[in-house]
Protein backbone atom coordinates (compact mmCIF):
# COMPACT_ATOMS: atom_id res chain seq x y z
CA MET A 1 -66.11 -7.08 -61.41
CA ARG A 2 -64.05 -10.20 -62.09
CA ARG A 3 -61.13 -8.02 -63.24
CA ALA A 4 -61.34 -5.81 -60.12
CA LEU A 5 -60.94 -8.68 -57.62
CA PRO A 6 -57.35 -9.66 -58.61
CA LEU A 7 -56.34 -5.99 -58.50
CA LEU A 8 -57.73 -5.57 -54.97
CA LEU A 9 -55.93 -8.71 -53.82
CA LEU A 10 -52.64 -7.46 -55.30
CA LEU A 11 -52.98 -4.08 -53.57
CA SER A 12 -53.80 -5.79 -50.27
CA CYS A 13 -50.67 -7.96 -50.48
CA ALA A 14 -48.53 -4.95 -51.36
CA ARG A 15 -49.82 -3.01 -48.37
CA ARG A 16 -49.15 -6.01 -46.10
CA GLU A 17 -45.56 -6.29 -47.43
CA ASP A 18 -45.06 -2.56 -46.83
CA ARG A 19 -46.23 -2.93 -43.25
CA GLU A 20 -43.86 -5.87 -42.73
CA GLN A 21 -40.94 -3.94 -44.20
CA ALA A 22 -41.73 -0.92 -42.00
CA ARG A 23 -41.24 -2.88 -38.76
CA PRO A 24 -37.96 -1.91 -36.89
CA PRO A 25 -35.30 -4.61 -36.56
CA ALA A 26 -34.41 -6.02 -33.12
CA GLY A 27 -32.76 -3.48 -30.86
CA GLU A 28 -34.15 -0.45 -32.73
CA VAL A 29 -36.93 2.02 -32.05
CA TRP A 30 -38.37 4.34 -34.72
CA LEU A 31 -40.01 7.61 -33.78
CA SER A 32 -41.36 10.58 -35.65
CA ARG A 33 -40.07 14.02 -34.74
CA GLN A 34 -43.47 14.81 -33.26
CA GLN A 35 -43.22 11.79 -30.96
CA LEU A 36 -39.69 12.79 -29.99
CA ASP A 37 -40.79 16.30 -29.07
CA SER A 38 -43.91 15.14 -27.24
CA GLN A 39 -41.85 12.87 -24.99
CA GLN A 40 -39.33 15.68 -24.35
CA MET A 41 -36.42 13.47 -25.32
CA ARG A 42 -33.00 15.08 -25.59
CA ILE A 43 -30.17 14.07 -27.87
CA GLU A 44 -26.53 15.10 -27.54
CA VAL A 45 -23.51 14.57 -29.78
CA ILE A 46 -20.68 13.10 -27.71
CA ASP A 47 -17.01 14.00 -28.08
CA GLU A 48 -13.67 13.71 -26.31
CA GLN A 49 -12.94 15.92 -23.30
CA GLN A 50 -10.07 16.60 -20.94
CA ILE A 51 -10.99 14.79 -17.74
CA ALA A 52 -9.44 14.68 -14.31
CA SER A 53 -8.21 11.14 -13.90
CA THR A 54 -8.48 9.23 -10.62
CA LEU A 55 -7.47 5.65 -9.97
CA ASP A 56 -9.11 3.83 -7.06
CA GLU A 57 -6.90 0.98 -5.91
CA PRO A 58 -7.32 -1.49 -3.02
CA GLY A 59 -4.80 -1.10 -0.24
CA ARG A 60 -4.05 -1.51 3.44
CA ILE A 61 -2.67 0.51 6.34
CA ALA A 62 0.70 -0.47 7.83
CA PHE A 63 3.21 0.76 10.38
CA ASP A 64 5.58 3.50 9.28
CA ASP A 65 8.74 1.40 9.51
CA LEU A 66 10.84 4.52 10.07
CA ARG A 67 8.95 5.08 13.34
CA VAL A 68 8.74 1.49 14.59
CA ALA A 69 11.26 -0.74 16.36
CA HIS A 70 10.87 -4.49 16.77
CA VAL A 71 12.66 -5.52 19.96
CA PHE A 72 14.29 -8.94 20.43
CA ALA A 73 16.43 -10.40 23.20
CA PRO A 74 20.11 -10.41 22.16
CA VAL A 75 20.91 -13.48 24.31
CA PRO A 76 18.93 -16.52 25.45
CA GLY A 77 17.58 -16.55 28.97
CA ARG A 78 14.54 -16.37 31.18
CA ILE A 79 12.33 -13.32 31.58
CA VAL A 80 12.26 -12.41 35.27
CA ARG A 81 10.52 -9.03 35.18
CA ILE A 82 8.29 -6.96 32.87
CA ASP A 83 8.71 -3.17 33.01
CA ALA A 84 6.39 -1.96 30.21
CA ALA A 85 2.81 -2.64 29.13
CA PRO A 86 0.94 -2.06 25.83
CA GLY A 87 -0.15 1.56 25.47
CA GLN A 88 2.63 2.84 27.72
CA GLN A 89 4.77 5.73 26.49
CA VAL A 90 8.50 5.05 26.73
CA ARG A 91 11.66 7.02 26.08
CA LYS A 92 14.81 5.74 24.43
CA GLY A 93 16.73 3.75 27.04
CA ASP A 94 13.75 3.01 29.29
CA PRO A 95 13.69 -0.60 30.58
CA LEU A 96 11.19 -2.95 28.95
CA LEU A 97 12.00 -6.19 30.73
CA GLU A 98 14.76 -7.99 32.61
CA ILE A 99 16.31 -11.26 31.49
CA GLU A 100 18.48 -13.65 33.47
CA SER A 101 21.08 -15.19 31.18
CA PRO A 102 24.40 -17.01 31.72
CA ASP A 103 25.70 -15.20 28.63
CA VAL A 104 25.50 -11.92 30.52
CA GLY A 105 27.65 -13.31 33.32
CA ALA A 106 30.09 -14.48 30.67
CA ALA A 107 30.16 -10.98 29.23
CA PHE A 108 31.14 -9.55 32.62
CA ALA A 109 33.75 -12.27 33.07
CA ASP A 110 35.19 -11.52 29.62
CA ILE A 111 35.57 -7.87 30.56
CA GLY A 112 37.34 -8.75 33.82
CA LYS A 113 39.71 -11.14 32.08
CA ALA A 114 40.41 -8.65 29.28
CA GLU A 115 41.17 -5.90 31.81
CA ALA A 116 43.59 -8.20 33.67
CA ASP A 117 45.28 -9.23 30.41
CA LEU A 118 45.65 -5.59 29.40
CA ALA A 119 47.22 -4.67 32.74
CA ALA A 120 49.72 -7.54 32.40
CA ALA A 121 50.55 -6.56 28.81
CA GLU A 122 51.05 -2.95 29.87
CA ARG A 123 53.47 -4.00 32.63
CA GLU A 124 55.40 -6.21 30.23
CA LEU A 125 55.61 -3.43 27.66
CA LYS A 126 56.94 -1.01 30.26
CA ARG A 127 59.53 -3.56 31.40
CA GLN A 128 60.71 -4.23 27.86
CA GLN A 129 61.02 -0.49 27.19
CA GLU A 130 63.26 -0.12 30.26
CA LEU A 131 65.38 -3.11 29.23
CA VAL A 132 65.87 -1.78 25.71
CA GLU A 133 66.86 1.62 27.08
CA ALA A 134 69.42 -0.14 29.29
CA GLN A 135 70.54 -2.19 26.28
CA ALA A 136 69.63 -5.32 28.22
CA ALA A 137 67.04 -6.61 25.74
CA ALA A 138 66.65 -6.87 21.99
CA GLN A 139 64.34 -4.63 19.97
CA ARG A 140 62.49 -7.73 18.81
CA GLU A 141 61.29 -8.45 22.34
CA LEU A 142 60.01 -4.88 22.66
CA ASP A 143 58.14 -5.23 19.37
CA GLN A 144 56.51 -8.42 20.64
CA ALA A 145 55.46 -6.68 23.86
CA GLN A 146 53.95 -3.80 21.86
CA ASN A 147 51.99 -6.24 19.70
CA ALA A 148 50.71 -8.08 22.76
CA TYR A 149 49.64 -4.80 24.33
CA GLY A 150 47.72 -3.85 21.15
CA ARG A 151 45.93 -7.21 21.09
CA ALA A 152 44.98 -6.86 24.76
CA ARG A 153 43.49 -3.42 24.16
CA ALA A 154 41.50 -4.70 21.18
CA GLU A 155 40.18 -7.66 23.19
CA LEU A 156 39.02 -5.37 26.02
CA ALA A 157 37.24 -3.14 23.49
CA ARG A 158 35.55 -6.21 21.96
CA ALA A 159 34.39 -7.46 25.36
CA ARG A 160 32.98 -4.06 26.23
CA ARG A 161 31.16 -3.84 22.90
CA ARG A 162 29.63 -7.27 23.48
CA ALA A 163 28.50 -6.22 26.93
CA GLU A 164 26.98 -3.07 25.45
CA LEU A 165 24.96 -5.24 23.06
CA PHE A 166 23.46 -6.85 26.15
CA ARG A 167 22.68 -3.40 27.57
CA VAL A 168 24.73 -4.18 30.64
CA ARG A 169 24.93 -1.26 33.06
CA GLY A 170 27.32 -0.94 36.00
CA LEU A 171 30.29 -3.02 34.95
CA GLU A 172 31.71 -3.06 38.48
CA GLY A 173 30.07 -6.37 39.42
CA VAL A 174 29.36 -9.75 37.86
CA THR A 175 25.67 -10.52 37.31
CA GLN A 176 23.58 -12.74 35.05
CA ARG A 177 20.77 -10.20 34.62
CA PHE A 178 20.35 -7.38 32.17
CA SER A 179 17.65 -4.93 31.14
CA LEU A 180 16.25 -4.98 27.63
CA ARG A 181 15.70 -1.30 26.86
CA SER A 182 13.66 0.67 24.34
CA PRO A 183 15.75 1.69 21.31
CA ILE A 184 13.48 4.66 20.45
CA ASP A 185 10.93 7.07 21.88
CA GLY A 186 7.37 5.87 21.33
CA GLU A 187 4.47 3.79 22.53
CA VAL A 188 4.45 0.11 23.44
CA ILE A 189 2.23 -1.06 20.58
CA ALA A 190 2.52 -4.78 21.29
CA ARG A 191 4.09 -7.07 23.88
CA ALA A 192 4.65 -10.80 23.51
CA ALA A 193 6.69 -11.33 26.68
CA ASN A 194 5.58 -12.86 29.99
CA PRO A 195 7.47 -13.44 33.25
CA GLY A 196 9.02 -16.89 33.53
CA THR A 197 9.19 -17.44 29.77
CA ASP A 198 12.40 -18.79 28.25
CA VAL A 199 13.44 -16.93 25.12
CA GLN A 200 16.03 -17.39 22.40
CA GLY A 201 18.54 -14.68 21.60
CA GLN A 202 19.48 -13.09 18.30
CA LEU A 203 23.21 -13.51 18.99
CA SER A 204 22.86 -17.20 19.83
CA GLY A 205 21.71 -18.14 16.33
CA GLY A 206 18.26 -19.32 17.40
CA ALA A 207 14.86 -18.20 16.15
CA ALA A 208 14.45 -15.25 18.49
CA PRO A 209 10.82 -14.13 19.00
CA GLU A 210 9.81 -10.48 18.87
CA LEU A 211 9.17 -9.40 22.47
CA PHE A 212 8.04 -5.79 22.01
CA THR A 213 6.89 -3.50 19.22
CA ILE A 214 7.69 0.13 19.99
CA GLY A 215 6.58 2.89 17.68
CA SER A 216 4.58 5.96 16.91
CA LEU A 217 1.21 5.91 15.15
CA ASP A 218 1.30 9.67 14.54
CA SER A 219 1.99 8.72 10.93
CA VAL A 220 1.32 5.46 9.09
CA TRP A 221 1.95 3.99 5.68
CA ALA A 222 -0.70 3.07 3.11
CA PHE A 223 0.18 0.46 0.49
CA ALA A 224 -1.74 -0.09 -2.74
CA ASP A 225 -1.31 -2.30 -5.81
CA VAL A 226 -1.53 -0.65 -9.24
CA TYR A 227 -2.22 -2.67 -12.38
CA GLU A 228 0.39 -2.69 -15.12
CA VAL A 229 -1.94 -0.91 -17.56
CA ASP A 230 -2.25 2.08 -15.19
CA LEU A 231 1.41 2.48 -14.24
CA ALA A 232 2.09 5.22 -16.80
CA ARG A 233 -0.52 7.38 -15.05
CA VAL A 234 1.02 7.04 -11.57
CA LYS A 235 4.06 9.08 -10.54
CA PRO A 236 5.94 9.60 -7.26
CA GLY A 237 4.70 12.76 -5.58
CA ALA A 238 1.14 12.41 -6.91
CA PRO A 239 -1.50 13.29 -4.30
CA VAL A 240 -3.73 10.56 -2.90
CA GLN A 241 -6.85 10.36 -0.77
CA VAL A 242 -7.23 7.29 1.41
CA LYS A 243 -10.50 5.97 2.82
CA VAL A 244 -11.15 3.13 5.27
CA ILE A 245 -14.34 1.27 6.12
CA ALA A 246 -14.32 2.51 9.72
CA TYR A 247 -14.65 6.16 8.60
CA PRO A 248 -16.65 6.19 5.33
CA ASP A 249 -17.16 9.98 5.39
CA ARG A 250 -13.53 10.85 5.99
CA SER A 251 -10.51 11.04 3.67
CA PHE A 252 -6.86 10.97 4.71
CA PRO A 253 -4.56 12.93 2.35
CA GLY A 254 -1.04 11.93 1.40
CA ARG A 255 1.43 11.65 -1.47
CA ILE A 256 3.05 8.74 -3.25
CA GLU A 257 6.59 8.31 -1.93
CA TRP A 258 7.65 5.06 -3.55
CA ILE A 259 6.62 2.79 -6.43
CA SER A 260 8.02 -0.71 -6.74
CA SER A 261 10.45 -1.26 -9.59
CA THR A 262 9.16 -4.80 -10.16
CA LEU A 263 5.77 -6.36 -10.96
CA ASP A 264 4.09 -9.18 -9.10
CA PRO A 265 4.25 -11.99 -11.70
CA VAL A 266 0.83 -13.35 -10.70
CA THR A 267 -1.32 -10.22 -10.26
CA ARG A 268 0.65 -8.04 -12.74
CA THR A 269 0.61 -5.17 -10.25
CA ALA A 270 3.24 -2.88 -8.77
CA ARG A 271 3.11 -1.80 -5.15
CA LEU A 272 3.18 1.84 -4.09
CA ARG A 273 3.52 3.46 -0.68
CA CYS A 274 2.41 6.78 0.76
CA THR A 275 2.71 8.32 4.23
CA LEU A 276 -0.41 9.57 6.00
CA GLY A 277 -0.65 11.86 9.00
CA ASN A 278 -2.50 10.15 11.84
CA PRO A 279 -2.50 12.53 14.83
CA ASP A 280 -5.74 11.17 16.32
CA ARG A 281 -4.73 7.50 15.84
CA ALA A 282 -7.80 6.84 13.67
CA LEU A 283 -5.82 4.70 11.22
CA LEU A 284 -4.66 1.34 12.55
CA PRO A 285 -2.21 -1.08 10.93
CA GLU A 286 -3.85 -3.83 8.83
CA MET A 287 -6.99 -1.79 8.10
CA TYR A 288 -8.25 -2.30 4.54
CA ALA A 289 -8.22 0.92 2.53
CA THR A 290 -9.12 2.42 -0.83
CA VAL A 291 -6.35 4.61 -2.23
CA SER A 292 -7.58 7.21 -4.74
CA ILE A 293 -4.69 8.46 -6.87
CA ALA A 294 -4.90 11.76 -8.72
CA ALA A 295 -3.42 10.98 -12.14
CA PRO A 296 -2.62 13.60 -14.83
CA ALA A 297 -5.60 14.93 -16.81
CA ARG A 298 -6.20 13.08 -20.08
CA LYS A 299 -8.40 13.21 -23.15
CA ALA A 300 -11.18 10.63 -23.31
CA LEU A 301 -14.51 10.02 -25.02
CA VAL A 302 -17.25 10.65 -22.46
CA VAL A 303 -21.00 10.13 -22.24
CA PRO A 304 -23.45 11.75 -19.80
CA ARG A 305 -24.38 9.42 -16.97
CA SER A 306 -28.09 10.05 -17.68
CA ALA A 307 -27.71 8.32 -21.05
CA VAL A 308 -26.61 5.01 -19.54
CA LEU A 309 -29.10 2.26 -18.68
CA HIS A 310 -28.31 -0.87 -16.65
CA VAL A 311 -29.84 -3.92 -18.33
CA GLY A 312 -28.87 -7.03 -16.40
CA ASP A 313 -25.09 -7.07 -16.24
CA GLU A 314 -24.76 -4.77 -19.24
CA ARG A 315 -24.72 -1.03 -19.71
CA VAL A 316 -26.49 0.29 -22.78
CA VAL A 317 -27.24 3.60 -24.48
CA PHE A 318 -29.50 4.59 -27.39
CA VAL A 319 -27.74 6.07 -30.41
CA GLN A 320 -29.50 7.97 -33.20
CA ALA A 321 -28.69 6.08 -36.39
CA GLY A 322 -30.16 8.23 -39.16
CA THR A 323 -33.71 7.99 -40.52
CA THR A 324 -35.91 5.50 -42.32
CA GLU A 325 -37.12 5.95 -45.91
CA ASN A 326 -40.29 7.59 -44.67
CA GLY A 327 -38.43 10.01 -42.38
CA LEU A 328 -38.73 8.28 -39.01
CA LEU A 329 -35.80 8.71 -36.60
CA ARG A 330 -33.93 5.47 -35.91
CA PHE A 331 -32.57 4.77 -32.40
CA GLN A 332 -30.31 1.76 -31.87
CA ARG A 333 -29.63 0.19 -28.50
CA ARG A 334 -25.86 -0.08 -28.08
CA ARG A 335 -23.89 -2.01 -25.47
CA VAL A 336 -21.03 0.05 -24.04
CA LEU A 337 -18.08 -0.52 -21.73
CA LEU A 338 -17.38 2.34 -19.33
CA GLU A 339 -14.51 3.13 -17.01
CA GLU A 340 -15.15 2.88 -13.29
CA SER A 341 -15.87 6.46 -12.29
CA GLU A 342 -18.06 8.35 -9.85
CA GLY A 343 -18.01 11.50 -11.96
CA ASP A 344 -20.29 12.78 -14.69
CA PRO A 345 -19.77 12.43 -17.64
CA VAL A 346 -18.36 8.90 -17.67
CA PRO A 347 -15.31 7.89 -19.77
CA VAL A 348 -16.12 5.32 -22.47
CA LYS A 349 -13.89 2.32 -23.10
CA SER A 350 -15.74 0.94 -26.13
CA GLY A 351 -19.09 0.87 -27.91
CA LEU A 352 -19.29 4.54 -28.98
CA GLN A 353 -17.40 6.89 -31.24
CA ALA A 354 -16.88 10.63 -31.16
CA GLY A 355 -19.56 12.48 -33.14
CA GLU A 356 -22.37 10.01 -32.48
CA ALA A 357 -25.69 11.35 -31.18
CA VAL A 358 -26.83 9.74 -27.93
CA VAL A 359 -30.18 10.00 -26.13
CA ILE A 360 -29.38 11.69 -22.81
CA SER A 361 -32.98 12.07 -21.61
CA GLY A 362 -35.71 9.53 -22.35
CA ALA A 363 -33.56 6.44 -22.86
CA LEU A 364 -35.66 4.50 -20.37
CA LEU A 365 -38.79 5.21 -22.44
CA LEU A 366 -37.09 3.90 -25.58
CA SER A 367 -36.02 0.76 -23.72
CA GLY A 368 -39.66 0.14 -22.81
CA MET A 369 -40.67 0.29 -26.50
CA LEU A 370 -38.43 -2.60 -27.51
């Protein structure tokens, strides 16, 4: 009996050591095949696939600059009348407002003086021609008269062009008023002019304020910023779908028309632009937008969305990692980084390799066993 006691103690210690060695390490779960089948868990070997690639970039809606005109006063003066209001449809040449300006009176006076100078130069040229024909004057004097006539014609043309810049109509009388007119067909989108306000003019060298914005919202631009790492996947002509907060269930289609040739040195992004049809005026300038860009299909390692668990700020999957010495299946919890995607399966950035077996059904149960 004395010999049997040490043997029993030795066997007991050995069994205890075996039990301690059979315990799974942290982050692992061991199951028998019977347990796996009873819980209806499914395992799938992951691999690379061709996936449709979409980039979702933040953006904003803006005016289509090809359909918008920003109207300034060409000369300083005082606004004496408003002829157009926001929302009003105007045609090219329609009056927007009337300004009283001494510069306009000067433009009329310049035309009158230039016309008088031209008439005098024409008379002198005719007289010199007659004198030369009668051999009563030198050719040099005729040449001088011809030069003076040319200068007078050029000065009258300059004065008329200056008056045209002021949109002066009816050159028969001298006035200090002129009509600021719409340069394009469109809608009065904004007005910053009020009667009695003094304004600076573009031609006077001052800081001239914008008085009217005229344009069409039948089409608008969408701008987005693309990160440097994604630029190779974005090409002019690629289709886009644009969404805005105001219409979460609606997409506005377009195509990329332009990509900046330089990067923002701070954000490391390049700007792109696309044109969107907007017949019902749903899209308004300065709306925030999400621009989804259809990039060329590419090959990527993917994992079914059902395999991914959210644990705190991390995303994890369970990977089958062989068997134990006694034949139990080993499942390791693995942290993974995934691409932002709404599709299924999800592209994997890191944490998994092609050919690994992942639990695609029952991962939540394994997580509860840890």
